[in-house]
Amino acid sequence: MRITLPSGTAAEVAGESTERGLVVVPDIMGLRPLFDEMTERLAGEWNCHVVTPNLYQGQEHLDLQGRHDAAGGLADERVLGDMVEAADATGATKVAAIGFCMGGMYVNKAVSTGRFHRLASFYGMIHVPPIWASETQGDPLTLVGAGDATRLLAVIGARDPYTLPDEVAELAATGASIAAYDEAEHGFVHAPDRPAHRPDDAADAWRRVDDWLWG
C-alpha cells in the first residue's frame, strides 16, 4: 500500500504492529517492486510496521546515471526528515531503520536524529562519494559521531570500493558495530539478480541484522 508522508514524499507501507516499526531506505533506484516486496516480507517475518519512503520523489523517471548526476541535489534535511516522518507513520513504540547503498548512507546519517532505537546500514557510504558531493550532503561519518554510534550496525563487503578499509576503521572508531564479509562486493545482500549477490552471506547478514534490531 502506498501513502504520502506530510512532506509529500510517497512511501510503501505494510504491517500493523504498534510495538515494532521499521523504516527502510531504498538504494539509488528507489521504490520499485524489489522494495515493495521487501516491505511486505519484513513486515511479516519481523512482525513490524514497515514504511519505505521514496528517495527521488518527483524524479522517478531518472535512469541510474541521471540519479548519480542528481544526487548532489538531495538534501539531508529532506531525506532525514522523510525518515523521521516515516518513523512517526509506523505508530510504533520502538522504531528501527535499515538502508541499502545510498539508503545505507542515509541510515548512517540518521544516527544523528536520535529517532531510531537501532539502525543497520547495508554497504552504506561512510563518506559522500565525490560525484554526489554538495553543500546539502553532510558527511556520514560526522553525522554518525553526532549521535549515539553504538546504535548502528554496518554490514560491509570487504571488496566494496565504496567502503574502503580505512573508512571502515574510522566508522568502527565511533563505536558503531561492523559486520564484514571478506569476499563480498557492493550490493551483495538485497538484490538476488545482481552479479555481486552472495546467497549464504546475504542470509547470514539478514540474521545478524534481525538480531541486532530486535534481539
N, C-alpha and C. Protein backbone atom coordinates (compact mmCIF):
# COMPACT_ATOMS: atom_id res chain seq x y z
N MET A 1 0.84 -1.19 0.00
CA MET A 1 0.00 0.00 0.00
C MET A 1 0.88 1.24 0.00
N ARG A 2 0.51 2.21 -0.78
CA ARG A 2 1.25 3.47 -0.82
C ARG A 2 0.54 4.54 0.01
N ILE A 3 1.35 5.33 0.71
CA ILE A 3 0.84 6.50 1.42
C ILE A 3 1.69 7.70 1.00
N THR A 4 1.27 8.88 1.41
CA THR A 4 2.06 10.09 1.20
C THR A 4 2.41 10.68 2.56
N LEU A 5 3.69 10.85 2.80
CA LEU A 5 4.14 11.46 4.06
C LEU A 5 3.78 12.94 4.07
N PRO A 6 3.77 13.60 5.24
CA PRO A 6 3.46 15.02 5.30
C PRO A 6 4.32 15.89 4.39
N SER A 7 5.55 15.45 4.11
CA SER A 7 6.45 16.20 3.23
C SER A 7 6.02 16.14 1.77
N GLY A 8 5.12 15.20 1.44
CA GLY A 8 4.74 14.97 0.06
C GLY A 8 5.43 13.80 -0.58
N THR A 9 6.33 13.16 0.14
CA THR A 9 7.06 12.00 -0.37
C THR A 9 6.21 10.74 -0.27
N ALA A 10 6.21 9.95 -1.33
CA ALA A 10 5.48 8.69 -1.34
C ALA A 10 6.23 7.64 -0.52
N ALA A 11 5.49 6.69 0.04
CA ALA A 11 6.10 5.61 0.82
C ALA A 11 5.26 4.36 0.68
N GLU A 12 5.94 3.22 0.63
CA GLU A 12 5.28 1.92 0.64
C GLU A 12 5.12 1.48 2.10
N VAL A 13 3.97 0.88 2.44
CA VAL A 13 3.66 0.54 3.82
C VAL A 13 3.13 -0.89 3.88
N ALA A 14 3.53 -1.61 4.94
CA ALA A 14 2.98 -2.94 5.20
C ALA A 14 3.06 -3.21 6.70
N GLY A 15 2.16 -4.06 7.18
CA GLY A 15 2.17 -4.45 8.59
C GLY A 15 1.31 -3.55 9.44
N GLU A 16 1.02 -4.05 10.66
CA GLU A 16 0.13 -3.32 11.55
C GLU A 16 0.65 -3.26 12.99
N SER A 17 1.86 -3.73 13.24
CA SER A 17 2.36 -3.76 14.60
C SER A 17 2.41 -2.37 15.22
N THR A 18 1.99 -2.26 16.48
CA THR A 18 2.11 -0.99 17.20
C THR A 18 3.31 -1.00 18.14
N GLU A 19 4.04 -2.11 18.18
CA GLU A 19 5.21 -2.22 19.04
C GLU A 19 6.51 -2.03 18.26
N ARG A 20 6.59 -2.66 17.08
CA ARG A 20 7.80 -2.59 16.27
C ARG A 20 7.54 -1.82 14.98
N GLY A 21 8.34 -0.79 14.75
CA GLY A 21 8.29 -0.06 13.49
C GLY A 21 9.63 -0.15 12.78
N LEU A 22 9.60 -0.12 11.47
CA LEU A 22 10.82 -0.20 10.68
C LEU A 22 10.73 0.76 9.51
N VAL A 23 11.76 1.58 9.34
CA VAL A 23 11.91 2.43 8.17
C VAL A 23 12.97 1.81 7.28
N VAL A 24 12.63 1.60 6.01
CA VAL A 24 13.55 1.04 5.03
C VAL A 24 13.88 2.13 4.01
N VAL A 25 15.16 2.38 3.79
CA VAL A 25 15.57 3.39 2.81
C VAL A 25 16.17 2.66 1.61
N PRO A 26 15.55 2.80 0.44
CA PRO A 26 15.99 2.05 -0.73
C PRO A 26 17.37 2.49 -1.23
N ASP A 27 17.88 1.72 -2.19
CA ASP A 27 19.11 2.10 -2.87
C ASP A 27 18.81 3.23 -3.87
N ILE A 28 19.78 3.58 -4.68
CA ILE A 28 19.68 4.75 -5.54
C ILE A 28 18.51 4.69 -6.52
N MET A 29 18.05 3.48 -6.86
CA MET A 29 16.94 3.36 -7.81
C MET A 29 15.57 3.49 -7.15
N GLY A 30 15.54 3.62 -5.84
CA GLY A 30 14.32 4.00 -5.14
C GLY A 30 13.24 2.92 -5.11
N LEU A 31 12.00 3.37 -4.87
CA LEU A 31 10.87 2.45 -4.77
C LEU A 31 10.63 1.76 -6.11
N ARG A 32 10.47 0.44 -6.04
CA ARG A 32 10.20 -0.40 -7.20
C ARG A 32 9.76 -1.76 -6.66
N PRO A 33 9.38 -2.70 -7.51
CA PRO A 33 8.90 -3.97 -6.98
C PRO A 33 9.82 -4.64 -5.97
N LEU A 34 11.13 -4.53 -6.15
CA LEU A 34 12.07 -5.13 -5.19
C LEU A 34 11.79 -4.64 -3.78
N PHE A 35 11.57 -3.34 -3.62
CA PHE A 35 11.36 -2.79 -2.27
C PHE A 35 9.90 -2.90 -1.83
N ASP A 36 8.97 -2.94 -2.77
CA ASP A 36 7.59 -3.25 -2.39
C ASP A 36 7.53 -4.63 -1.75
N GLU A 37 8.21 -5.59 -2.39
CA GLU A 37 8.21 -6.96 -1.87
C GLU A 37 8.97 -7.06 -0.55
N MET A 38 10.09 -6.33 -0.44
CA MET A 38 10.85 -6.36 0.81
C MET A 38 10.03 -5.78 1.95
N THR A 39 9.32 -4.70 1.69
CA THR A 39 8.47 -4.08 2.71
C THR A 39 7.46 -5.09 3.24
N GLU A 40 6.80 -5.79 2.34
CA GLU A 40 5.81 -6.78 2.73
C GLU A 40 6.46 -7.96 3.46
N ARG A 41 7.59 -8.42 2.95
CA ARG A 41 8.26 -9.58 3.56
C ARG A 41 8.73 -9.28 4.97
N LEU A 42 9.38 -8.14 5.18
CA LEU A 42 9.90 -7.82 6.50
C LEU A 42 8.77 -7.57 7.50
N ALA A 43 7.67 -7.01 7.02
CA ALA A 43 6.53 -6.80 7.93
C ALA A 43 6.06 -8.14 8.49
N GLY A 44 6.06 -9.17 7.65
CA GLY A 44 5.65 -10.49 8.11
C GLY A 44 6.71 -11.21 8.90
N GLU A 45 7.93 -11.24 8.39
CA GLU A 45 8.99 -12.00 9.05
C GLU A 45 9.39 -11.40 10.40
N TRP A 46 9.39 -10.09 10.48
CA TRP A 46 9.84 -9.42 11.70
C TRP A 46 8.69 -8.88 12.54
N ASN A 47 7.47 -9.13 12.11
CA ASN A 47 6.29 -8.68 12.85
C ASN A 47 6.40 -7.19 13.20
N CYS A 48 6.55 -6.39 12.16
CA CYS A 48 6.71 -4.95 12.38
C CYS A 48 5.91 -4.17 11.34
N HIS A 49 5.69 -2.90 11.65
CA HIS A 49 5.01 -1.99 10.73
C HIS A 49 6.10 -1.28 9.93
N VAL A 50 6.16 -1.53 8.62
CA VAL A 50 7.25 -1.06 7.78
C VAL A 50 6.79 0.10 6.91
N VAL A 51 7.61 1.14 6.85
CA VAL A 51 7.37 2.27 5.96
C VAL A 51 8.65 2.51 5.16
N THR A 52 8.52 2.50 3.84
CA THR A 52 9.67 2.64 2.94
C THR A 52 9.48 3.88 2.08
N PRO A 53 10.14 5.00 2.42
CA PRO A 53 9.95 6.24 1.65
C PRO A 53 10.76 6.24 0.35
N ASN A 54 10.29 7.02 -0.61
CA ASN A 54 10.97 7.17 -1.89
C ASN A 54 12.15 8.12 -1.73
N LEU A 55 13.26 7.82 -2.39
CA LEU A 55 14.43 8.71 -2.33
C LEU A 55 14.32 9.86 -3.33
N TYR A 56 13.98 9.54 -4.56
CA TYR A 56 13.97 10.54 -5.63
C TYR A 56 12.53 10.96 -5.95
N GLN A 57 11.86 11.53 -4.96
CA GLN A 57 10.48 11.96 -5.16
C GLN A 57 10.42 13.00 -6.27
N GLY A 58 9.55 12.77 -7.25
CA GLY A 58 9.41 13.69 -8.36
C GLY A 58 10.43 13.51 -9.45
N GLN A 59 11.39 12.59 -9.24
CA GLN A 59 12.42 12.34 -10.25
C GLN A 59 12.49 10.84 -10.59
N GLU A 60 11.37 10.18 -10.47
CA GLU A 60 11.34 8.74 -10.68
C GLU A 60 11.72 8.34 -12.10
N HIS A 61 11.63 9.27 -13.03
CA HIS A 61 11.94 8.98 -14.43
C HIS A 61 13.44 8.82 -14.68
N LEU A 62 14.28 9.25 -13.75
CA LEU A 62 15.72 9.24 -13.98
C LEU A 62 16.27 7.82 -14.04
N ASP A 63 17.20 7.59 -14.99
CA ASP A 63 17.91 6.32 -15.03
C ASP A 63 19.06 6.36 -14.02
N LEU A 64 19.85 5.30 -13.98
CA LEU A 64 20.91 5.23 -12.98
C LEU A 64 21.89 6.39 -13.09
N GLN A 65 22.36 6.69 -14.30
CA GLN A 65 23.30 7.79 -14.45
C GLN A 65 22.65 9.11 -14.07
N GLY A 66 21.40 9.28 -14.44
CA GLY A 66 20.70 10.51 -14.08
C GLY A 66 20.58 10.66 -12.57
N ARG A 67 20.41 9.56 -11.87
CA ARG A 67 20.32 9.62 -10.41
C ARG A 67 21.67 9.95 -9.79
N HIS A 68 22.74 9.38 -10.34
CA HIS A 68 24.07 9.77 -9.87
C HIS A 68 24.28 11.27 -10.07
N ASP A 69 23.90 11.76 -11.25
CA ASP A 69 24.10 13.18 -11.55
C ASP A 69 23.26 14.08 -10.63
N ALA A 70 22.08 13.59 -10.23
CA ALA A 70 21.17 14.40 -9.42
C ALA A 70 21.40 14.23 -7.92
N ALA A 71 22.29 13.33 -7.53
CA ALA A 71 22.45 13.01 -6.10
C ALA A 71 22.89 14.21 -5.28
N GLY A 72 23.67 15.09 -5.89
CA GLY A 72 24.09 16.28 -5.16
C GLY A 72 22.95 17.20 -4.81
N GLY A 73 21.83 17.04 -5.50
CA GLY A 73 20.65 17.85 -5.20
C GLY A 73 19.80 17.29 -4.08
N LEU A 74 20.10 16.07 -3.64
CA LEU A 74 19.39 15.52 -2.49
C LEU A 74 19.88 16.24 -1.23
N ALA A 75 18.96 16.59 -0.37
CA ALA A 75 19.30 17.34 0.84
C ALA A 75 19.06 16.48 2.07
N ASP A 76 20.03 16.47 2.98
CA ASP A 76 19.85 15.73 4.23
C ASP A 76 18.59 16.16 4.95
N GLU A 77 18.30 17.45 4.93
CA GLU A 77 17.11 17.95 5.63
C GLU A 77 15.86 17.24 5.14
N ARG A 78 15.76 17.04 3.83
CA ARG A 78 14.58 16.39 3.26
C ARG A 78 14.60 14.89 3.51
N VAL A 79 15.72 14.23 3.20
CA VAL A 79 15.75 12.77 3.30
C VAL A 79 15.65 12.32 4.76
N LEU A 80 16.42 12.94 5.65
CA LEU A 80 16.32 12.57 7.06
C LEU A 80 14.97 12.97 7.63
N GLY A 81 14.43 14.08 7.15
CA GLY A 81 13.09 14.46 7.57
C GLY A 81 12.05 13.43 7.14
N ASP A 82 12.20 12.89 5.93
CA ASP A 82 11.29 11.84 5.47
C ASP A 82 11.44 10.59 6.33
N MET A 83 12.67 10.27 6.74
CA MET A 83 12.87 9.10 7.58
C MET A 83 12.17 9.28 8.93
N VAL A 84 12.25 10.46 9.50
CA VAL A 84 11.58 10.72 10.78
C VAL A 84 10.06 10.67 10.59
N GLU A 85 9.57 11.26 9.50
CA GLU A 85 8.12 11.20 9.24
C GLU A 85 7.68 9.75 9.02
N ALA A 86 8.51 8.96 8.35
CA ALA A 86 8.19 7.55 8.15
C ALA A 86 8.15 6.81 9.48
N ALA A 87 9.09 7.13 10.37
CA ALA A 87 9.10 6.53 11.71
C ALA A 87 7.81 6.87 12.45
N ASP A 88 7.41 8.12 12.36
CA ASP A 88 6.16 8.53 13.01
C ASP A 88 4.96 7.80 12.41
N ALA A 89 5.00 7.58 11.09
CA ALA A 89 3.88 6.95 10.40
C ALA A 89 3.69 5.49 10.81
N THR A 90 4.74 4.86 11.35
CA THR A 90 4.57 3.48 11.81
C THR A 90 3.65 3.41 13.01
N GLY A 91 3.60 4.48 13.80
CA GLY A 91 2.79 4.48 15.02
C GLY A 91 3.32 3.54 16.08
N ALA A 92 4.54 3.04 15.91
CA ALA A 92 5.09 2.04 16.82
C ALA A 92 5.87 2.68 17.96
N THR A 93 5.97 1.95 19.05
CA THR A 93 6.69 2.46 20.21
C THR A 93 8.20 2.33 20.06
N LYS A 94 8.65 1.39 19.25
CA LYS A 94 10.07 1.17 19.01
C LYS A 94 10.30 1.11 17.51
N VAL A 95 11.14 2.02 16.99
CA VAL A 95 11.33 2.11 15.54
C VAL A 95 12.80 1.96 15.20
N ALA A 96 13.08 1.08 14.24
CA ALA A 96 14.43 0.85 13.73
C ALA A 96 14.51 1.36 12.29
N ALA A 97 15.73 1.39 11.75
CA ALA A 97 15.91 1.81 10.36
C ALA A 97 16.98 0.95 9.70
N ILE A 98 16.73 0.60 8.44
CA ILE A 98 17.74 -0.06 7.63
C ILE A 98 17.77 0.62 6.26
N GLY A 99 18.91 0.51 5.57
CA GLY A 99 19.02 1.08 4.23
C GLY A 99 20.13 0.41 3.45
N PHE A 100 20.09 0.58 2.14
CA PHE A 100 20.97 -0.14 1.23
C PHE A 100 21.67 0.84 0.29
N CYS A 101 22.98 0.68 0.16
CA CYS A 101 23.78 1.51 -0.75
C CYS A 101 23.58 2.99 -0.37
N MET A 102 23.04 3.81 -1.27
CA MET A 102 22.76 5.20 -0.92
C MET A 102 21.84 5.27 0.29
N GLY A 103 20.84 4.38 0.34
CA GLY A 103 19.96 4.34 1.51
C GLY A 103 20.71 4.00 2.78
N GLY A 104 21.73 3.15 2.67
CA GLY A 104 22.57 2.85 3.82
C GLY A 104 23.36 4.07 4.27
N MET A 105 23.79 4.89 3.31
CA MET A 105 24.47 6.14 3.65
C MET A 105 23.56 7.03 4.48
N TYR A 106 22.29 7.11 4.08
CA TYR A 106 21.36 7.95 4.83
C TYR A 106 21.03 7.34 6.19
N VAL A 107 21.04 6.03 6.29
CA VAL A 107 20.86 5.42 7.60
C VAL A 107 22.04 5.78 8.51
N ASN A 108 23.25 5.76 7.97
CA ASN A 108 24.39 6.23 8.76
C ASN A 108 24.14 7.65 9.26
N LYS A 109 23.70 8.52 8.36
CA LYS A 109 23.44 9.91 8.74
C LYS A 109 22.32 10.02 9.78
N ALA A 110 21.34 9.11 9.70
CA ALA A 110 20.17 9.18 10.58
C ALA A 110 20.50 8.89 12.04
N VAL A 111 21.68 8.36 12.31
CA VAL A 111 22.10 8.22 13.71
C VAL A 111 21.99 9.55 14.42
N SER A 112 22.29 10.63 13.69
CA SER A 112 22.30 11.97 14.28
C SER A 112 20.92 12.44 14.72
N THR A 113 19.84 11.84 14.19
CA THR A 113 18.50 12.30 14.54
C THR A 113 18.07 11.85 15.93
N GLY A 114 18.64 10.75 16.40
CA GLY A 114 18.22 10.19 17.69
C GLY A 114 16.84 9.55 17.68
N ARG A 115 16.24 9.42 16.49
CA ARG A 115 14.86 8.93 16.41
C ARG A 115 14.75 7.41 16.46
N PHE A 116 15.83 6.71 16.12
CA PHE A 116 15.76 5.27 15.93
C PHE A 116 16.50 4.53 17.04
N HIS A 117 15.85 3.49 17.58
CA HIS A 117 16.47 2.77 18.69
C HIS A 117 17.64 1.91 18.22
N ARG A 118 17.57 1.41 16.99
CA ARG A 118 18.67 0.67 16.38
C ARG A 118 18.64 0.95 14.87
N LEU A 119 19.83 0.90 14.25
CA LEU A 119 19.93 1.14 12.81
C LEU A 119 20.90 0.14 12.21
N ALA A 120 20.67 -0.24 10.96
CA ALA A 120 21.59 -1.12 10.25
C ALA A 120 21.74 -0.61 8.83
N SER A 121 22.96 -0.32 8.44
CA SER A 121 23.24 0.14 7.08
C SER A 121 23.92 -1.00 6.32
N PHE A 122 23.36 -1.32 5.16
CA PHE A 122 23.95 -2.32 4.29
C PHE A 122 24.81 -1.58 3.26
N TYR A 123 26.12 -1.75 3.38
CA TYR A 123 27.11 -1.13 2.49
C TYR A 123 26.82 0.34 2.21
N GLY A 124 26.47 1.06 3.30
CA GLY A 124 26.24 2.49 3.19
C GLY A 124 27.55 3.26 3.18
N MET A 125 27.63 4.29 2.34
CA MET A 125 28.85 5.06 2.20
C MET A 125 29.20 5.75 3.52
N ILE A 126 30.47 5.71 3.86
CA ILE A 126 30.96 6.28 5.12
C ILE A 126 31.35 7.74 4.92
N HIS A 127 31.77 8.06 3.73
CA HIS A 127 31.95 9.45 3.27
C HIS A 127 31.18 9.60 1.96
N VAL A 128 30.70 10.81 1.68
CA VAL A 128 29.94 11.05 0.46
C VAL A 128 30.85 10.86 -0.75
N PRO A 129 30.48 10.03 -1.71
CA PRO A 129 31.29 9.89 -2.93
C PRO A 129 31.43 11.25 -3.63
N PRO A 130 32.61 11.52 -4.21
CA PRO A 130 32.83 12.84 -4.84
C PRO A 130 31.76 13.23 -5.86
N ILE A 131 31.24 12.26 -6.60
CA ILE A 131 30.25 12.58 -7.62
C ILE A 131 28.94 13.07 -7.01
N TRP A 132 28.70 12.77 -5.73
CA TRP A 132 27.47 13.19 -5.06
C TRP A 132 27.68 14.41 -4.17
N ALA A 133 28.89 14.89 -4.03
CA ALA A 133 29.20 15.92 -3.05
C ALA A 133 28.47 17.23 -3.36
N SER A 134 27.95 17.85 -2.31
CA SER A 134 27.31 19.16 -2.43
C SER A 134 27.15 19.75 -1.03
N GLU A 135 26.72 21.00 -0.98
CA GLU A 135 26.52 21.65 0.31
C GLU A 135 25.37 21.03 1.10
N THR A 136 24.48 20.32 0.42
CA THR A 136 23.33 19.73 1.10
C THR A 136 23.58 18.29 1.55
N GLN A 137 24.75 17.76 1.21
CA GLN A 137 25.11 16.39 1.57
C GLN A 137 26.13 16.43 2.71
N GLY A 138 25.65 16.19 3.95
CA GLY A 138 26.56 16.14 5.09
C GLY A 138 27.40 14.88 5.08
N ASP A 139 28.52 14.91 5.77
CA ASP A 139 29.42 13.76 5.83
C ASP A 139 28.83 12.69 6.73
N PRO A 140 28.62 11.47 6.21
CA PRO A 140 28.01 10.42 7.04
C PRO A 140 28.78 10.14 8.32
N LEU A 141 30.11 10.06 8.24
CA LEU A 141 30.89 9.75 9.43
C LEU A 141 30.69 10.81 10.51
N THR A 142 30.68 12.07 10.10
CA THR A 142 30.47 13.16 11.06
C THR A 142 29.10 13.04 11.71
N LEU A 143 28.09 12.70 10.92
CA LEU A 143 26.73 12.61 11.46
C LEU A 143 26.56 11.37 12.34
N VAL A 144 27.27 10.29 12.04
CA VAL A 144 27.28 9.15 12.98
C VAL A 144 27.82 9.61 14.33
N GLY A 145 28.91 10.36 14.30
CA GLY A 145 29.53 10.82 15.53
C GLY A 145 28.70 11.85 16.28
N ALA A 146 27.73 12.46 15.59
CA ALA A 146 26.87 13.46 16.24
C ALA A 146 25.76 12.82 17.06
N GLY A 147 25.58 11.50 16.92
CA GLY A 147 24.56 10.78 17.68
C GLY A 147 25.18 9.65 18.48
N ASP A 148 24.37 8.68 18.83
CA ASP A 148 24.84 7.51 19.58
C ASP A 148 25.23 6.43 18.58
N ALA A 149 26.51 6.40 18.25
CA ALA A 149 27.00 5.47 17.22
C ALA A 149 26.84 4.01 17.62
N THR A 150 26.71 3.75 18.90
CA THR A 150 26.57 2.35 19.33
C THR A 150 25.23 1.75 18.90
N ARG A 151 24.32 2.57 18.39
CA ARG A 151 23.04 2.06 17.89
C ARG A 151 23.16 1.50 16.46
N LEU A 152 24.31 1.70 15.81
CA LEU A 152 24.48 1.40 14.39
C LEU A 152 25.26 0.12 14.15
N LEU A 153 24.74 -0.74 13.28
CA LEU A 153 25.46 -1.88 12.73
C LEU A 153 25.67 -1.64 11.25
N ALA A 154 26.91 -1.70 10.80
CA ALA A 154 27.23 -1.53 9.38
C ALA A 154 27.61 -2.86 8.78
N VAL A 155 26.82 -3.30 7.79
CA VAL A 155 27.11 -4.53 7.04
C VAL A 155 27.99 -4.14 5.86
N ILE A 156 29.18 -4.71 5.81
CA ILE A 156 30.21 -4.26 4.87
C ILE A 156 30.74 -5.43 4.05
N GLY A 157 30.95 -5.20 2.76
CA GLY A 157 31.69 -6.14 1.92
C GLY A 157 33.13 -5.70 1.86
N ALA A 158 34.05 -6.59 2.20
CA ALA A 158 35.46 -6.21 2.27
C ALA A 158 36.03 -5.80 0.91
N ARG A 159 35.35 -6.18 -0.18
CA ARG A 159 35.82 -5.82 -1.52
C ARG A 159 34.99 -4.68 -2.13
N ASP A 160 34.30 -3.95 -1.30
CA ASP A 160 33.43 -2.86 -1.75
C ASP A 160 34.24 -1.57 -1.89
N PRO A 161 34.36 -1.01 -3.09
CA PRO A 161 35.13 0.23 -3.26
C PRO A 161 34.47 1.45 -2.62
N TYR A 162 33.20 1.33 -2.23
CA TYR A 162 32.53 2.46 -1.59
C TYR A 162 32.76 2.50 -0.08
N THR A 163 33.30 1.44 0.48
CA THR A 163 33.59 1.39 1.92
C THR A 163 35.00 0.82 2.10
N LEU A 164 35.99 1.67 1.89
CA LEU A 164 37.38 1.24 1.93
C LEU A 164 37.81 0.92 3.36
N PRO A 165 38.82 0.06 3.53
CA PRO A 165 39.22 -0.37 4.87
C PRO A 165 39.52 0.77 5.84
N ASP A 166 40.20 1.82 5.38
CA ASP A 166 40.49 2.95 6.28
C ASP A 166 39.21 3.63 6.74
N GLU A 167 38.22 3.71 5.86
CA GLU A 167 36.95 4.32 6.22
C GLU A 167 36.18 3.44 7.20
N VAL A 168 36.22 2.13 6.98
CA VAL A 168 35.56 1.21 7.91
C VAL A 168 36.19 1.34 9.30
N ALA A 169 37.50 1.48 9.35
CA ALA A 169 38.17 1.66 10.64
C ALA A 169 37.72 2.96 11.31
N GLU A 170 37.54 4.01 10.52
CA GLU A 170 37.03 5.27 11.07
C GLU A 170 35.64 5.09 11.65
N LEU A 171 34.81 4.36 10.93
CA LEU A 171 33.45 4.13 11.41
C LEU A 171 33.46 3.31 12.70
N ALA A 172 34.27 2.27 12.74
CA ALA A 172 34.36 1.45 13.95
C ALA A 172 34.83 2.27 15.14
N ALA A 173 35.69 3.24 14.90
CA ALA A 173 36.22 4.07 15.99
C ALA A 173 35.15 4.94 16.65
N THR A 174 34.02 5.15 15.97
CA THR A 174 32.94 5.93 16.57
C THR A 174 32.16 5.13 17.60
N GLY A 175 32.33 3.80 17.60
CA GLY A 175 31.55 2.93 18.46
C GLY A 175 30.52 2.12 17.71
N ALA A 176 30.40 2.35 16.39
CA ALA A 176 29.49 1.55 15.58
C ALA A 176 30.01 0.11 15.48
N SER A 177 29.10 -0.83 15.32
CA SER A 177 29.47 -2.23 15.13
C SER A 177 29.60 -2.52 13.64
N ILE A 178 30.52 -3.41 13.30
CA ILE A 178 30.80 -3.75 11.91
C ILE A 178 30.58 -5.24 11.71
N ALA A 179 29.83 -5.59 10.66
CA ALA A 179 29.70 -6.98 10.22
C ALA A 179 30.32 -7.06 8.83
N ALA A 180 31.54 -7.57 8.74
CA ALA A 180 32.28 -7.57 7.48
C ALA A 180 32.29 -8.96 6.86
N TYR A 181 32.19 -8.99 5.54
CA TYR A 181 32.19 -10.24 4.78
C TYR A 181 33.35 -10.20 3.79
N ASP A 182 34.31 -11.09 3.98
CA ASP A 182 35.62 -10.99 3.33
C ASP A 182 35.57 -11.00 1.82
N GLU A 183 34.71 -11.80 1.23
CA GLU A 183 34.71 -11.96 -0.23
C GLU A 183 33.63 -11.12 -0.91
N ALA A 184 32.90 -10.34 -0.15
CA ALA A 184 31.73 -9.65 -0.70
C ALA A 184 32.09 -8.31 -1.33
N GLU A 185 31.35 -7.99 -2.39
CA GLU A 185 31.46 -6.70 -3.05
C GLU A 185 30.23 -5.85 -2.70
N HIS A 186 30.12 -4.71 -3.36
CA HIS A 186 29.00 -3.81 -3.08
C HIS A 186 27.68 -4.45 -3.51
N GLY A 187 26.66 -4.32 -2.68
CA GLY A 187 25.32 -4.76 -3.03
C GLY A 187 25.10 -6.26 -2.98
N PHE A 188 25.79 -6.94 -2.06
CA PHE A 188 25.76 -8.41 -2.07
C PHE A 188 24.56 -9.02 -1.35
N VAL A 189 23.72 -8.21 -0.71
CA VAL A 189 22.64 -8.77 0.11
C VAL A 189 21.26 -8.66 -0.53
N HIS A 190 20.86 -7.46 -0.93
CA HIS A 190 19.42 -7.19 -1.07
C HIS A 190 18.82 -7.47 -2.44
N ALA A 191 19.62 -7.63 -3.47
CA ALA A 191 19.08 -7.81 -4.82
C ALA A 191 19.61 -9.11 -5.41
N PRO A 192 18.84 -10.20 -5.35
CA PRO A 192 19.34 -11.50 -5.81
C PRO A 192 19.74 -11.55 -7.27
N ASP A 193 19.27 -10.61 -8.10
CA ASP A 193 19.59 -10.64 -9.52
C ASP A 193 20.92 -9.97 -9.83
N ARG A 194 21.57 -9.39 -8.83
CA ARG A 194 22.86 -8.74 -9.07
C ARG A 194 23.98 -9.77 -9.13
N PRO A 195 24.98 -9.57 -10.02
CA PRO A 195 26.12 -10.48 -10.03
C PRO A 195 26.85 -10.55 -8.70
N ALA A 196 26.80 -9.47 -7.93
CA ALA A 196 27.51 -9.42 -6.65
C ALA A 196 26.80 -10.19 -5.54
N HIS A 197 25.57 -10.65 -5.79
CA HIS A 197 24.79 -11.31 -4.74
C HIS A 197 25.48 -12.58 -4.26
N ARG A 198 25.53 -12.73 -2.93
CA ARG A 198 26.13 -13.90 -2.29
C ARG A 198 25.10 -14.50 -1.34
N PRO A 199 24.40 -15.55 -1.77
CA PRO A 199 23.25 -16.05 -1.00
C PRO A 199 23.58 -16.41 0.44
N ASP A 200 24.68 -17.09 0.69
CA ASP A 200 25.00 -17.51 2.06
C ASP A 200 25.34 -16.30 2.93
N ASP A 201 26.15 -15.39 2.38
CA ASP A 201 26.49 -14.18 3.14
C ASP A 201 25.25 -13.32 3.35
N ALA A 202 24.39 -13.25 2.34
CA ALA A 202 23.16 -12.46 2.47
C ALA A 202 22.28 -13.01 3.58
N ALA A 203 22.10 -14.33 3.60
CA ALA A 203 21.27 -14.94 4.64
C ALA A 203 21.86 -14.69 6.02
N ASP A 204 23.17 -14.78 6.14
CA ASP A 204 23.81 -14.52 7.42
C ASP A 204 23.64 -13.05 7.83
N ALA A 205 23.80 -12.14 6.87
CA ALA A 205 23.64 -10.72 7.17
C ALA A 205 22.23 -10.40 7.64
N TRP A 206 21.21 -10.98 6.97
CA TRP A 206 19.83 -10.76 7.40
C TRP A 206 19.62 -11.27 8.83
N ARG A 207 20.19 -12.43 9.14
CA ARG A 207 20.05 -12.96 10.50
C ARG A 207 20.69 -12.03 11.52
N ARG A 208 21.87 -11.52 11.20
CA ARG A 208 22.57 -10.64 12.13
C ARG A 208 21.82 -9.33 12.33
N VAL A 209 21.26 -8.81 11.25
CA VAL A 209 20.51 -7.56 11.36
C VAL A 209 19.22 -7.77 12.16
N ASP A 210 18.54 -8.88 11.91
CA ASP A 210 17.35 -9.21 12.69
C ASP A 210 17.67 -9.24 14.18
N ASP A 211 18.73 -9.91 14.54
CA ASP A 211 19.12 -10.00 15.94
C ASP A 211 19.52 -8.63 16.48
N TRP A 212 20.22 -7.84 15.67
CA TRP A 212 20.67 -6.51 16.09
C TRP A 212 19.48 -5.59 16.38
N LEU A 213 18.52 -5.61 15.49
CA LEU A 213 17.38 -4.69 15.63
C LEU A 213 16.41 -5.10 16.72
N TRP A 214 16.18 -6.42 16.85
CA TRP A 214 15.08 -6.87 17.70
C TRP A 214 15.51 -7.85 18.79
N GLY A 215 16.76 -8.31 18.75
CA GLY A 215 17.19 -9.34 19.69
C GLY A 215 17.32 -8.84 21.12
